[in-house]
C-alpha cells in the first residue's frame, strides 16, 4: 500500500510538471501541492460509496492525471512563464477542481476538509 501510494504521488507530480512545462515550481508550491494531494488520495467521497481516489486509481487515474496536468498548465500560464508560487498553485488547483464535474475533486466533496484549503 505505501509503495502504491508513493507511486500515485509521483504520478501526481509528474502530471503537474508536464502541464507546467518549463515553469519551475517554488518550494512553497511543492509543499502546498504535496499537502493537498496527499490528503486528497485518502479522502473518502460519500457519493462514491466512501471510496477514496486511491481506491479507484486503476479505474479513474487517467482522468485524475488529466486534471492535474491542467492544474500545471494553468499555473504556468498564470505565472507568466516564471516560477510558480504557492499562491498561483493554490489558485490554479482550486480553479481546475471547481470547474471539474469529478466527484473526487475537493470542491465537489461536501465532506472534504484539506489541511491547506
PDB file of N, CA and C in Angstrom:
ATOM      1  N   UNK A   1       0.829  -1.206   0.000  1.00  0.00           N
ATOM      2  CA  UNK A   1       0.000   0.000   0.000  1.00  0.00           C
ATOM      3  C   UNK A   1       0.861   1.253   0.000  1.00  0.00           C
ATOM      4  N   UNK A   2       1.890   1.324   0.825  1.00  0.00           N
ATOM      5  CA  UNK A   2       2.735   2.515   0.900  1.00  0.00           C
ATOM      6  C   UNK A   2       3.473   2.755  -0.405  1.00  0.00           C
ATOM      7  N   UNK A   3       3.954   1.682  -1.037  1.00  0.00           N
ATOM      8  CA  UNK A   3       4.656   1.844  -2.307  1.00  0.00           C
ATOM      9  C   UNK A   3       3.678   2.331  -3.368  1.00  0.00           C
ATOM     10  N   UNK A   4       2.487   1.743  -3.421  1.00  0.00           N
ATOM     11  CA  UNK A   4       1.480   2.152  -4.395  1.00  0.00           C
ATOM     12  C   UNK A   4       1.091   3.612  -4.181  1.00  0.00           C
ATOM     13  N   UNK A   5       0.918   4.018  -2.939  1.00  0.00           N
ATOM     14  CA  UNK A   5       0.556   5.398  -2.619  1.00  0.00           C
ATOM     15  C   UNK A   5       1.671   6.333  -3.063  1.00  0.00           C
ATOM     16  N   UNK A   6       2.908   5.941  -2.792  1.00  0.00           N
ATOM     17  CA  UNK A   6       4.049   6.744  -3.226  1.00  0.00           C
ATOM     18  C   UNK A   6       4.107   6.871  -4.739  1.00  0.00           C
ATOM     19  N   UNK A   7       3.764   5.797  -5.431  1.00  0.00           N
ATOM     20  CA  UNK A   7       3.720   5.826  -6.889  1.00  0.00           C
ATOM     21  C   UNK A   7       2.644   6.795  -7.372  1.00  0.00           C
ATOM     22  N   UNK A   8       1.501   6.804  -6.716  1.00  0.00           N
ATOM     23  CA  UNK A   8       0.432   7.734  -7.090  1.00  0.00           C
ATOM     24  C   UNK A   8       0.886   9.175  -6.878  1.00  0.00           C
ATOM     25  N   UNK A   9       1.572   9.453  -5.782  1.00  0.00           N
ATOM     26  CA  UNK A   9       2.079  10.811  -5.548  1.00  0.00           C
ATOM     27  C   UNK A   9       3.091  11.195  -6.620  1.00  0.00           C
ATOM     28  N   UNK A  10       3.946  10.268  -7.015  1.00  0.00           N
ATOM     29  CA  UNK A  10       4.921  10.555  -8.083  1.00  0.00           C
ATOM     30  C   UNK A  10       4.193  10.868  -9.383  1.00  0.00           C
ATOM     31  N   UNK A  11       3.155  10.116  -9.693  1.00  0.00           N
ATOM     32  CA  UNK A  11       2.382  10.368 -10.912  1.00  0.00           C
ATOM     33  C   UNK A  11       1.687  11.721 -10.854  1.00  0.00           C
ATOM     34  N   UNK A  12       1.195  12.090  -9.683  1.00  0.00           N
ATOM     35  CA  UNK A  12       0.556  13.393  -9.497  1.00  0.00           C
ATOM     36  C   UNK A  12       1.544  14.503  -9.844  1.00  0.00           C
ATOM     37  N   UNK A  13       2.745  14.427  -9.281  1.00  0.00           N
ATOM     38  CA  UNK A  13       3.726  15.479  -9.548  1.00  0.00           C
ATOM     39  C   UNK A  13       4.238  15.433 -10.980  1.00  0.00           C
ATOM     40  N   UNK A  14       4.324  14.255 -11.569  1.00  0.00           N
ATOM     41  CA  UNK A  14       4.738  14.167 -12.970  1.00  0.00           C
ATOM     42  C   UNK A  14       3.697  14.852 -13.861  1.00  0.00           C
ATOM     43  N   UNK A  15       2.422  14.633 -13.595  1.00  0.00           N
ATOM     44  CA  UNK A  15       1.364  15.249 -14.402  1.00  0.00           C
ATOM     45  C   UNK A  15       1.364  16.763 -14.244  1.00  0.00           C
ATOM     46  N   UNK A  16       1.488  17.236 -13.018  1.00  0.00           N
ATOM     47  CA  UNK A  16       1.536  18.683 -12.790  1.00  0.00           C
ATOM     48  C   UNK A  16       2.758  19.275 -13.498  1.00  0.00           C
ATOM     49  N   UNK A  17       3.891  18.606 -13.366  1.00  0.00           N
ATOM     50  CA  UNK A  17       5.117  19.075 -14.003  1.00  0.00           C
ATOM     51  C   UNK A  17       5.027  19.097 -15.518  1.00  0.00           C
ATOM     52  N   UNK A  18       4.422  18.074 -16.106  1.00  0.00           N
ATOM     53  CA  UNK A  18       4.238  18.069 -17.569  1.00  0.00           C
ATOM     54  C   UNK A  18       3.375  19.248 -17.985  1.00  0.00           C
ATOM     55  N   UNK A  19       2.335  19.508 -17.228  1.00  0.00           N
ATOM     56  CA  UNK A  19       1.469  20.648 -17.539  1.00  0.00           C
ATOM     57  C   UNK A  19       2.196  21.968 -17.393  1.00  0.00           C
ATOM     58  N   UNK A  20       3.059  22.063 -16.405  1.00  0.00           N
ATOM     59  CA  UNK A  20       3.789  23.306 -16.151  1.00  0.00           C
ATOM     60  C   UNK A  20       4.884  23.552 -17.184  1.00  0.00           C
ATOM     61  N   UNK A  21       5.290  22.511 -17.885  1.00  0.00           N
ATOM     62  CA  UNK A  21       6.320  22.678 -18.907  1.00  0.00           C
ATOM     63  C   UNK A  21       7.639  23.130 -18.304  1.00  0.00           C
ATOM     64  N   UNK A  22       8.145  24.247 -18.776  1.00  0.00           N
ATOM     65  CA  UNK A  22       9.445  24.733 -18.299  1.00  0.00           C
ATOM     66  C   UNK A  22       9.328  25.650 -17.086  1.00  0.00           C
ATOM     67  N   UNK A  23       8.111  25.954 -16.663  1.00  0.00           N
ATOM     68  CA  UNK A  23       7.925  26.821 -15.495  1.00  0.00           C
ATOM     69  C   UNK A  23       8.227  26.034 -14.224  1.00  0.00           C
ATOM     70  N   UNK A  24       9.206  26.461 -13.450  1.00  0.00           N
ATOM     71  CA  UNK A  24       9.525  25.723 -12.223  1.00  0.00           C
ATOM     72  C   UNK A  24       8.514  25.986 -11.106  1.00  0.00           C
ATOM     73  N   UNK A  25       8.362  25.010 -10.246  1.00  0.00           N
ATOM     74  CA  UNK A  25       7.524  25.162  -9.051  1.00  0.00           C
ATOM     75  C   UNK A  25       8.403  25.609  -7.892  1.00  0.00           C
ATOM     76  N   UNK A  26       7.953  26.615  -7.164  1.00  0.00           N
ATOM     77  CA  UNK A  26       8.697  27.028  -5.969  1.00  0.00           C
ATOM     78  C   UNK A  26       8.589  25.936  -4.904  1.00  0.00           C
ATOM     79  N   UNK A  27       9.504  25.966  -3.951  1.00  0.00           N
ATOM     80  CA  UNK A  27       9.441  25.003  -2.845  1.00  0.00           C
ATOM     81  C   UNK A  27       8.114  25.103  -2.105  1.00  0.00           C
ATOM     82  N   UNK A  28       7.623  26.328  -1.930  1.00  0.00           N
ATOM     83  CA  UNK A  28       6.360  26.528  -1.225  1.00  0.00           C
ATOM     84  C   UNK A  28       5.195  25.941  -2.020  1.00  0.00           C
ATOM     85  N   UNK A  29       5.236  26.083  -3.342  1.00  0.00           N
ATOM     86  CA  UNK A  29       4.185  25.496  -4.185  1.00  0.00           C
ATOM     87  C   UNK A  29       4.213  23.975  -4.078  1.00  0.00           C
ATOM     88  N   UNK A  30       5.394  23.404  -4.093  1.00  0.00           N
ATOM     89  CA  UNK A  30       5.521  21.944  -3.982  1.00  0.00           C
ATOM     90  C   UNK A  30       4.969  21.475  -2.639  1.00  0.00           C
ATOM     91  N   UNK A  31       5.287  22.177  -1.577  1.00  0.00           N
ATOM     92  CA  UNK A  31       4.773  21.806  -0.253  1.00  0.00           C
ATOM     93  C   UNK A  31       3.250  21.884  -0.226  1.00  0.00           C
ATOM     94  N   UNK A  32       2.700  22.963  -0.790  1.00  0.00           N
ATOM     95  CA  UNK A  32       1.247  23.132  -0.791  1.00  0.00           C
ATOM     96  C   UNK A  32       0.592  22.006  -1.587  1.00  0.00           C
ATOM     97  N   UNK A  33       1.107  21.742  -2.785  1.00  0.00           N
ATOM     98  CA  UNK A  33       0.550  20.683  -3.628  1.00  0.00           C
ATOM     99  C   UNK A  33       0.680  19.308  -2.963  1.00  0.00           C
ATOM    100  N   UNK A  34       1.823  19.060  -2.329  1.00  0.00           N
ATOM    101  CA  UNK A  34       2.016  17.776  -1.637  1.00  0.00           C
ATOM    102  C   UNK A  34       0.988  17.615  -0.522  1.00  0.00           C
ATOM    103  N   UNK A  35       0.813  18.645   0.290  1.00  0.00           N
ATOM    104  CA  UNK A  35      -0.156  18.565   1.389  1.00  0.00           C
ATOM    105  C   UNK A  35      -1.569  18.334   0.862  1.00  0.00           C
ATOM    106  N   UNK A  36      -1.928  19.049  -0.182  1.00  0.00           N
ATOM    107  CA  UNK A  36      -3.288  18.938  -0.722  1.00  0.00           C
ATOM    108  C   UNK A  36      -3.553  17.550  -1.301  1.00  0.00           C
ATOM    109  N   UNK A  37      -2.638  17.070  -2.134  1.00  0.00           N
ATOM    110  CA  UNK A  37      -2.914  15.819  -2.833  1.00  0.00           C
ATOM    111  C   UNK A  37      -2.556  14.587  -2.009  1.00  0.00           C
ATOM    112  N   UNK A  38      -1.727  14.741  -1.017  1.00  0.00           N
ATOM    113  CA  UNK A  38      -1.504  13.652  -0.077  1.00  0.00           C
ATOM    114  C   UNK A  38      -2.790  13.419   0.724  1.00  0.00           C
ATOM    115  N   UNK A  39      -3.416  14.495   1.142  1.00  0.00           N
ATOM    116  CA  UNK A  39      -4.712  14.425   1.829  1.00  0.00           C
ATOM    117  C   UNK A  39      -5.771  13.846   0.880  1.00  0.00           C
ATOM    118  N   UNK A  40      -5.796  14.382  -0.340  1.00  0.00           N
ATOM    119  CA  UNK A  40      -6.809  14.020  -1.325  1.00  0.00           C
ATOM    120  C   UNK A  40      -6.810  12.529  -1.640  1.00  0.00           C
ATOM    121  N   UNK A  41      -5.637  11.912  -1.745  1.00  0.00           N
ATOM    122  CA  UNK A  41      -5.567  10.484  -2.089  1.00  0.00           C
ATOM    123  C   UNK A  41      -6.378   9.609  -1.137  1.00  0.00           C
ATOM    124  N   UNK A  42      -6.463  10.000   0.108  1.00  0.00           N
ATOM    125  CA  UNK A  42      -7.143   9.200   1.128  1.00  0.00           C
ATOM    126  C   UNK A  42      -8.483   9.791   1.557  1.00  0.00           C
ATOM    127  N   UNK A  43      -9.006  10.740   0.785  1.00  0.00           N
ATOM    128  CA  UNK A  43     -10.229  11.446   1.119  1.00  0.00           C
ATOM    129  C   UNK A  43     -11.457  10.633   0.678  1.00  0.00           C
ATOM    130  N   UNK A  44     -12.251  10.099   1.614  1.00  0.00           N
ATOM    131  CA  UNK A  44     -13.437   9.348   1.220  1.00  0.00           C
ATOM    132  C   UNK A  44     -14.498  10.260   0.610  1.00  0.00           C
ATOM    133  N   UNK A  45     -15.185   9.755  -0.397  1.00  0.00           N
ATOM    134  CA  UNK A  45     -16.234  10.515  -1.079  1.00  0.00           C
ATOM    135  C   UNK A  45     -17.551   9.774  -0.876  1.00  0.00           C
ATOM    136  N   UNK A  46     -18.441  10.386  -0.107  1.00  0.00           N
ATOM    137  CA  UNK A  46     -19.712   9.735   0.245  1.00  0.00           C
ATOM    138  C   UNK A  46     -20.510   9.340  -0.994  1.00  0.00           C
ATOM    139  N   UNK A  47     -20.532  10.220  -1.994  1.00  0.00           N
ATOM    140  CA  UNK A  47     -21.332   9.928  -3.196  1.00  0.00           C
ATOM    141  C   UNK A  47     -20.754   8.772  -4.020  1.00  0.00           C
ATOM    142  N   UNK A  48     -19.545   8.345  -3.669  1.00  0.00           N
ATOM    143  CA  UNK A  48     -18.896   7.217  -4.346  1.00  0.00           C
ATOM    144  C   UNK A  48     -18.754   6.023  -3.398  1.00  0.00           C
ATOM    145  N   UNK A  49     -19.668   5.914  -2.461  1.00  0.00           N
ATOM    146  CA  UNK A  49     -19.679   4.790  -1.529  1.00  0.00           C
ATOM    147  C   UNK A  49     -18.550   4.816  -0.522  1.00  0.00           C
ATOM    148  N   UNK A  50     -18.019   6.009  -0.237  1.00  0.00           N
ATOM    149  CA  UNK A  50     -16.933   6.136   0.726  1.00  0.00           C
ATOM    150  C   UNK A  50     -15.568   5.783   0.169  1.00  0.00           C
ATOM    151  N   UNK A  51     -15.488   5.537  -1.134  1.00  0.00           N
ATOM    152  CA  UNK A  51     -14.197   5.219  -1.752  1.00  0.00           C
ATOM    153  C   UNK A  51     -13.329   6.466  -1.842  1.00  0.00           C
ATOM    154  N   UNK A  52     -12.037   6.246  -1.876  1.00  0.00           N
ATOM    155  CA  UNK A  52     -11.061   7.329  -1.989  1.00  0.00           C
ATOM    156  C   UNK A  52     -10.465   7.335  -3.399  1.00  0.00           C
ATOM    157  N   UNK A  53      -9.822   8.428  -3.794  1.00  0.00           N
ATOM    158  CA  UNK A  53      -9.129   8.409  -5.087  1.00  0.00           C
ATOM    159  C   UNK A  53      -8.123   7.259  -5.175  1.00  0.00           C
ATOM    160  N   UNK A  54      -7.461   6.971  -4.080  1.00  0.00           N
ATOM    161  CA  UNK A  54      -6.510   5.859  -4.047  1.00  0.00           C
ATOM    162  C   UNK A  54      -7.219   4.539  -4.363  1.00  0.00           C
ATOM    163  N   UNK A  55      -8.420   4.359  -3.824  1.00  0.00           N
ATOM    164  CA  UNK A  55      -9.184   3.122  -4.049  1.00  0.00           C
ATOM    165  C   UNK A  55      -9.559   2.920  -5.514  1.00  0.00           C
ATOM    166  N   UNK A  56      -9.831   4.009  -6.218  1.00  0.00           N
ATOM    167  CA  UNK A  56     -10.342   3.908  -7.593  1.00  0.00           C
ATOM    168  C   UNK A  56      -9.294   4.294  -8.645  1.00  0.00           C
ATOM    169  N   UNK A  57      -8.031   4.376  -8.223  1.00  0.00           N
ATOM    170  CA  UNK A  57      -6.985   4.842  -9.126  1.00  0.00           C
ATOM    171  C   UNK A  57      -6.929   4.032 -10.423  1.00  0.00           C
ATOM    172  N   UNK A  58      -7.052   2.728 -10.343  1.00  0.00           N
ATOM    173  CA  UNK A  58      -6.952   1.899 -11.549  1.00  0.00           C
ATOM    174  C   UNK A  58      -8.043   2.230 -12.559  1.00  0.00           C
ATOM    175  N   UNK A  59      -9.221   2.587 -12.090  1.00  0.00           N
ATOM    176  CA  UNK A  59     -10.324   2.922 -12.986  1.00  0.00           C
ATOM    177  C   UNK A  59     -10.308   4.381 -13.419  1.00  0.00           C
ATOM    178  N   UNK A  60      -9.894   5.279 -12.537  1.00  0.00           N
ATOM    179  CA  UNK A  60     -10.054   6.716 -12.805  1.00  0.00           C
ATOM    180  C   UNK A  60      -8.749   7.507 -12.832  1.00  0.00           C
ATOM    181  N   UNK A  61      -7.641   6.819 -12.680  1.00  0.00           N
ATOM    182  CA  UNK A  61      -6.356   7.505 -12.607  1.00  0.00           C
ATOM    183  C   UNK A  61      -6.071   8.403 -13.797  1.00  0.00           C
ATOM    184  N   UNK A  62      -6.389   7.950 -15.006  1.00  0.00           N
ATOM    185  CA  UNK A  62      -6.131   8.779 -16.193  1.00  0.00           C
ATOM    186  C   UNK A  62      -6.904  10.082 -16.109  1.00  0.00           C
ATOM    187  N   UNK A  63      -8.158  10.018 -15.683  1.00  0.00           N
ATOM    188  CA  UNK A  63      -8.960  11.234 -15.518  1.00  0.00           C
ATOM    189  C   UNK A  63      -8.308  12.162 -14.484  1.00  0.00           C
ATOM    190  N   UNK A  64      -7.897  11.594 -13.362  1.00  0.00           N
ATOM    191  CA  UNK A  64      -7.238  12.403 -12.330  1.00  0.00           C
ATOM    192  C   UNK A  64      -5.997  13.083 -12.901  1.00  0.00           C
ATOM    193  N   UNK A  65      -5.178  12.308 -13.613  1.00  0.00           N
ATOM    194  CA  UNK A  65      -3.927  12.852 -14.150  1.00  0.00           C
ATOM    195  C   UNK A  65      -4.197  13.926 -15.198  1.00  0.00           C
ATOM    196  N   UNK A  66      -5.257  13.798 -15.965  1.00  0.00           N
ATOM    197  CA  UNK A  66      -5.622  14.847 -16.928  1.00  0.00           C
ATOM    198  C   UNK A  66      -5.938  16.153 -16.201  1.00  0.00           C
ATOM    199  N   UNK A  67      -6.666  16.077 -15.092  1.00  0.00           N
ATOM    200  CA  UNK A  67      -6.995  17.285 -14.320  1.00  0.00           C
ATOM    201  C   UNK A  67      -5.719  17.886 -13.712  1.00  0.00           C
ATOM    202  N   UNK A  68      -4.834  17.034 -13.222  1.00  0.00           N
ATOM    203  CA  UNK A  68      -3.583  17.515 -12.614  1.00  0.00           C
ATOM    204  C   UNK A  68      -2.690  18.175 -13.659  1.00  0.00           C
ATOM    205  N   UNK A  69      -2.672  17.630 -14.872  1.00  0.00           N
ATOM    206  CA  UNK A  69      -1.946  18.260 -15.977  1.00  0.00           C
ATOM    207  C   UNK A  69      -2.501  19.664 -16.213  1.00  0.00           C
ATOM    208  N   UNK A  70      -3.838  19.785 -16.205  1.00  0.00           N
ATOM    209  CA  UNK A  70      -4.474  21.089 -16.408  1.00  0.00           C
ATOM    210  C   UNK A  70      -4.090  22.075 -15.302  1.00  0.00           C
ATOM    211  N   UNK A  71      -3.947  21.581 -14.087  1.00  0.00           N
ATOM    212  CA  UNK A  71      -3.517  22.450 -12.984  1.00  0.00           C
ATOM    213  C   UNK A  71      -2.125  23.000 -13.274  1.00  0.00           C
ATOM    214  N   UNK A  72      -1.203  22.138 -13.684  1.00  0.00           N
ATOM    215  CA  UNK A  72       0.148  22.598 -14.014  1.00  0.00           C
ATOM    216  C   UNK A  72       0.152  23.579 -15.164  1.00  0.00           C
ATOM    217  N   UNK A  73      -0.649  23.297 -16.183  1.00  0.00           N
ATOM    218  CA  UNK A  73      -0.722  24.166 -17.364  1.00  0.00           C
ATOM    219  C   UNK A  73      -1.265  25.545 -16.990  1.00  0.00           C
ATOM    220  N   UNK A  74      -2.332  25.562 -16.205  1.00  0.00           N
ATOM    221  CA  UNK A  74      -2.922  26.833 -15.769  1.00  0.00           C
ATOM    222  C   UNK A  74      -1.951  27.598 -14.883  1.00  0.00           C
ATOM    223  N   UNK A  75      -1.290  26.896 -13.989  1.00  0.00           N
ATOM    224  CA  UNK A  75      -0.334  27.560 -13.094  1.00  0.00           C
ATOM    225  C   UNK A  75       0.806  28.205 -13.888  1.00  0.00           C
ATOM    226  N   UNK A  76       1.313  27.493 -14.887  1.00  0.00           N
ATOM    227  CA  UNK A  76       2.403  28.047 -15.707  1.00  0.00           C
ATOM    228  C   UNK A  76       1.930  29.288 -16.461  1.00  0.00           C
ATOM    229  N   UNK A  77       0.732  29.212 -17.023  1.00  0.00           N
ATOM    230  CA  UNK A  77       0.192  30.370 -17.753  1.00  0.00           C
ATOM    231  C   UNK A  77       0.000  31.549 -16.806  1.00  0.00           C
ATOM    232  N   UNK A  78      -0.549  31.272 -15.622  1.00  0.00           N
ATOM    233  CA  UNK A  78      -0.810  32.342 -14.657  1.00  0.00           C
ATOM    234  C   UNK A  78       0.472  32.925 -14.078  1.00  0.00           C
ATOM    235  N   UNK A  79       1.540  32.139 -14.071  1.00  0.00           N
ATOM    236  CA  UNK A  79       2.839  32.627 -13.581  1.00  0.00           C
ATOM    237  C   UNK A  79       3.601  33.365 -14.683  1.00  0.00           C
ATOM    238  N   UNK A  80       3.045  33.406 -15.886  1.00  0.00           N
ATOM    239  CA  UNK A  80       3.675  34.133 -16.975  1.00  0.00           C
ATOM    240  C   UNK A  80       5.008  33.560 -17.413  1.00  0.00           C
ATOM    241  N   UNK A  81       5.200  32.272 -17.215  1.00  0.00           N
ATOM    242  CA  UNK A  81       6.452  31.630 -17.611  1.00  0.00           C
ATOM    243  C   UNK A  81       7.517  31.658 -16.535  1.00  0.00           C
ATOM    244  N   UNK A  82       7.269  32.389 -15.465  1.00  0.00           N
ATOM    245  CA  UNK A  82       8.215  32.430 -14.349  1.00  0.00           C
ATOM    246  C   UNK A  82       7.945  31.311 -13.367  1.00  0.00           C
ATOM    247  N   UNK A  83       8.565  31.406 -12.211  1.00  0.00           N
ATOM    248  CA  UNK A  83       8.388  30.397 -11.174  1.00  0.00           C
ATOM    249  C   UNK A  83       6.947  30.400 -10.665  1.00  0.00           C
ATOM    250  N   UNK A  84       6.412  29.215 -10.458  1.00  0.00           N
ATOM    251  CA  UNK A  84       5.051  29.061  -9.945  1.00  0.00           C
ATOM    252  C   UNK A  84       5.091  29.144  -8.429  1.00  0.00           C
ATOM    253  N   UNK A  85       4.465  30.166  -7.892  1.00  0.00           N
ATOM    254  CA  UNK A  85       4.428  30.371  -6.441  1.00  0.00           C
ATOM    255  C   UNK A  85       3.330  29.528  -5.815  1.00  0.00           C
ATOM    256  N   UNK A  86       3.346  29.464  -4.498  1.00  0.00           N
ATOM    257  CA  UNK A  86       2.293  28.724  -3.790  1.00  0.00           C
ATOM    258  C   UNK A  86       0.934  29.352  -4.045  1.00  0.00           C
ATOM    259  N   UNK A  87       0.859  30.676  -4.101  1.00  0.00           N
ATOM    260  CA  UNK A  87      -0.440  31.325  -4.321  1.00  0.00           C
ATOM    261  C   UNK A  87      -0.973  31.029  -5.717  1.00  0.00           C
ATOM    262  N   UNK A  88      -0.089  30.976  -6.715  1.00  0.00           N
ATOM    263  CA  UNK A  88      -0.520  30.633  -8.076  1.00  0.00           C
ATOM    264  C   UNK A  88      -0.935  29.162  -8.135  1.00  0.00           C
ATOM    265  N   UNK A  89      -0.179  28.284  -7.505  1.00  0.00           N
ATOM    266  CA  UNK A  89      -0.530  26.859  -7.480  1.00  0.00           C
ATOM    267  C   UNK A  89      -1.881  26.664  -6.794  1.00  0.00           C
ATOM    268  N   UNK A  90      -2.107  27.376  -5.703  1.00  0.00           N
ATOM    269  CA  UNK A  90      -3.371  27.293  -4.971  1.00  0.00           C
ATOM    270  C   UNK A  90      -4.537  27.718  -5.850  1.00  0.00           C
ATOM    271  N   UNK A  91      -4.412  28.890  -6.450  1.00  0.00           N
ATOM    272  CA  UNK A  91      -5.494  29.413  -7.288  1.00  0.00           C
ATOM    273  C   UNK A  91      -5.752  28.504  -8.481  1.00  0.00           C
ATOM    274  N   UNK A  92      -4.701  27.981  -9.089  1.00  0.00           N
ATOM    275  CA  UNK A  92      -4.849  27.110 -10.249  1.00  0.00           C
ATOM    276  C   UNK A  92      -5.532  25.805  -9.875  1.00  0.00           C
ATOM    277  N   UNK A  93      -5.088  25.191  -8.784  1.00  0.00           N
ATOM    278  CA  UNK A  93      -5.702  23.931  -8.335  1.00  0.00           C
ATOM    279  C   UNK A  93      -7.171  24.139  -8.008  1.00  0.00           C
ATOM    280  N   UNK A  94      -7.468  25.183  -7.266  1.00  0.00           N
ATOM    281  CA  UNK A  94      -8.854  25.422  -6.873  1.00  0.00           C
ATOM    282  C   UNK A  94      -9.731  25.737  -8.072  1.00  0.00           C
ATOM    283  N   UNK A  95      -9.197  26.449  -9.051  1.00  0.00           N
ATOM    284  CA  UNK A  95      -9.956  26.772 -10.257  1.00  0.00           C
ATOM    285  C   UNK A  95     -10.269  25.517 -11.075  1.00  0.00           C
ATOM    286  N   UNK A  96      -9.254  24.710 -11.342  1.00  0.00           N
ATOM    287  CA  UNK A  96      -9.464  23.494 -12.136  1.00  0.00           C
ATOM    288  C   UNK A  96     -10.402  22.540 -11.408  1.00  0.00           C
ATOM    289  N   UNK A  97     -10.198  22.369 -10.112  1.00  0.00           N
ATOM    290  CA  UNK A  97     -11.064  21.466  -9.341  1.00  0.00           C
ATOM    291  C   UNK A  97     -12.511  21.958  -9.321  1.00  0.00           C
ATOM    292  N   UNK A  98     -12.709  23.246  -9.132  1.00  0.00           N
ATOM    293  CA  UNK A  98     -14.056  23.815  -9.065  1.00  0.00           C
ATOM    294  C   UNK A  98     -14.786  23.662 -10.386  1.00  0.00           C
ATOM    295  N   UNK A  99     -14.063  23.759 -11.486  1.00  0.00           N
ATOM    296  CA  UNK A  99     -14.677  23.655 -12.813  1.00  0.00           C
ATOM    297  C   UNK A  99     -14.798  22.222 -13.311  1.00  0.00           C
ATOM    298  N   UNK A 100     -14.397  21.272 -12.513  1.00  0.00           N
ATOM    299  CA  UNK A 100     -14.494  19.861 -12.877  1.00  0.00           C
ATOM    300  C   UNK A 100     -15.780  19.267 -12.315  1.00  0.00           C
ATOM    301  N   UNK A 101     -16.317  18.314 -13.039  1.00  0.00           N
ATOM    302  CA  UNK A 101     -17.516  17.618 -12.552  1.00  0.00           C
ATOM    303  C   UNK A 101     -17.156  16.345 -11.787  1.00  0.00           C
ATOM    304  N   UNK A 102     -15.869  16.092 -11.614  1.00  0.00           N
ATOM    305  CA  UNK A 102     -15.417  14.878 -10.943  1.00  0.00           C
ATOM    306  C   UNK A 102     -15.828  14.902  -9.467  1.00  0.00           C
ATOM    307  N   UNK A 103     -16.538  13.872  -8.993  1.00  0.00           N
ATOM    308  CA  UNK A 103     -16.952  13.862  -7.590  1.00  0.00           C
ATOM    309  C   UNK A 103     -15.775  13.755  -6.618  1.00  0.00           C
ATOM    310  N   UNK A 104     -14.606  13.380  -7.121  1.00  0.00           N
ATOM    311  CA  UNK A 104     -13.439  13.244  -6.255  1.00  0.00           C
ATOM    312  C   UNK A 104     -12.689  14.563  -6.077  1.00  0.00           C
ATOM    313  N   UNK A 105     -13.014  15.582  -6.880  1.00  0.00           N
ATOM    314  CA  UNK A 105     -12.361  16.882  -6.696  1.00  0.00           C
ATOM    315  C   UNK A 105     -12.809  17.477  -5.367  1.00  0.00           C
ATOM    316  N   UNK A 106     -11.895  18.064  -4.662  1.00  0.00           N
ATOM    317  CA  UNK A 106     -12.159  18.557  -3.308  1.00  0.00           C
ATOM    318  C   UNK A 106     -13.381  19.471  -3.236  1.00  0.00           C
ATOM    319  N   UNK A 107     -13.560  20.451  -4.149  1.00  0.00           N
ATOM    320  CA  UNK A 107     -14.758  21.308  -4.031  1.00  0.00           C
ATOM    321  C   UNK A 107     -16.073  20.566  -4.249  1.00  0.00           C
ATOM    322  N   UNK A 108     -16.033  19.400  -4.893  1.00  0.00           N
ATOM    323  CA  UNK A 108     -17.254  18.644  -5.162  1.00  0.00           C
ATOM    324  C   UNK A 108     -17.562  17.618  -4.079  1.00  0.00           C
ATOM    325  N   UNK A 109     -16.755  17.586  -3.048  1.00  0.00           N
ATOM    326  CA  UNK A 109     -16.934  16.614  -1.958  1.00  0.00           C
ATOM    327  C   UNK A 109     -17.295  17.373  -0.692  1.00  0.00           C
ATOM    328  N   UNK A 110     -18.577  17.367  -0.319  1.00  0.00           N
ATOM    329  CA  UNK A 110     -19.010  18.145   0.845  1.00  0.00           C
ATOM    330  C   UNK A 110     -18.263  17.814   2.139  1.00  0.00           C
ATOM    331  N   UNK A 111     -17.705  16.627   2.258  1.00  0.00           N
ATOM    332  CA  UNK A 111     -17.011  16.254   3.484  1.00  0.00           C
ATOM    333  C   UNK A 111     -15.529  16.596   3.479  1.00  0.00           C
ATOM    334  N   UNK A 112     -15.045  17.167   2.392  1.00  0.00           N
ATOM    335  CA  UNK A 112     -13.607  17.447   2.294  1.00  0.00           C
ATOM    336  C   UNK A 112     -13.205  18.599   3.203  1.00  0.00           C
ATOM    337  N   UNK A 113     -12.069  18.436   3.832  1.00  0.00           N
ATOM    338  CA  UNK A 113     -11.515  19.470   4.697  1.00  0.00           C
ATOM    339  C   UNK A 113      -9.992  19.407   4.596  1.00  0.00           C
ATOM    340  N   UNK A 114      -9.445  19.815   3.426  1.00  0.00           N
ATOM    341  CA  UNK A 114      -7.998  19.719   3.249  1.00  0.00           C
ATOM    342  C   UNK A 114      -7.247  20.611   4.225  1.00  0.00           C
ATOM    343  N   UNK A 115      -6.030  20.213   4.580  1.00  0.00           N
ATOM    344  CA  UNK A 115      -5.271  20.961   5.577  1.00  0.00           C
ATOM    345  C   UNK A 115      -4.881  22.356   5.115  1.00  0.00           C
ATOM    346  N   UNK A 116      -4.884  22.616   3.825  1.00  0.00           N
ATOM    347  CA  UNK A 116      -4.450  23.930   3.355  1.00  0.00           C
ATOM    348  C   UNK A 116      -5.492  24.585   2.448  1.00  0.00           C
ATOM    349  N   UNK A 117      -6.740  24.228   2.635  1.00  0.00           N
ATOM    350  CA  UNK A 117      -7.836  24.891   1.911  1.00  0.00           C
ATOM    351  C   UNK A 117      -8.084  24.454   0.515  1.00  0.00           C
TER     352      UNK A 117
END
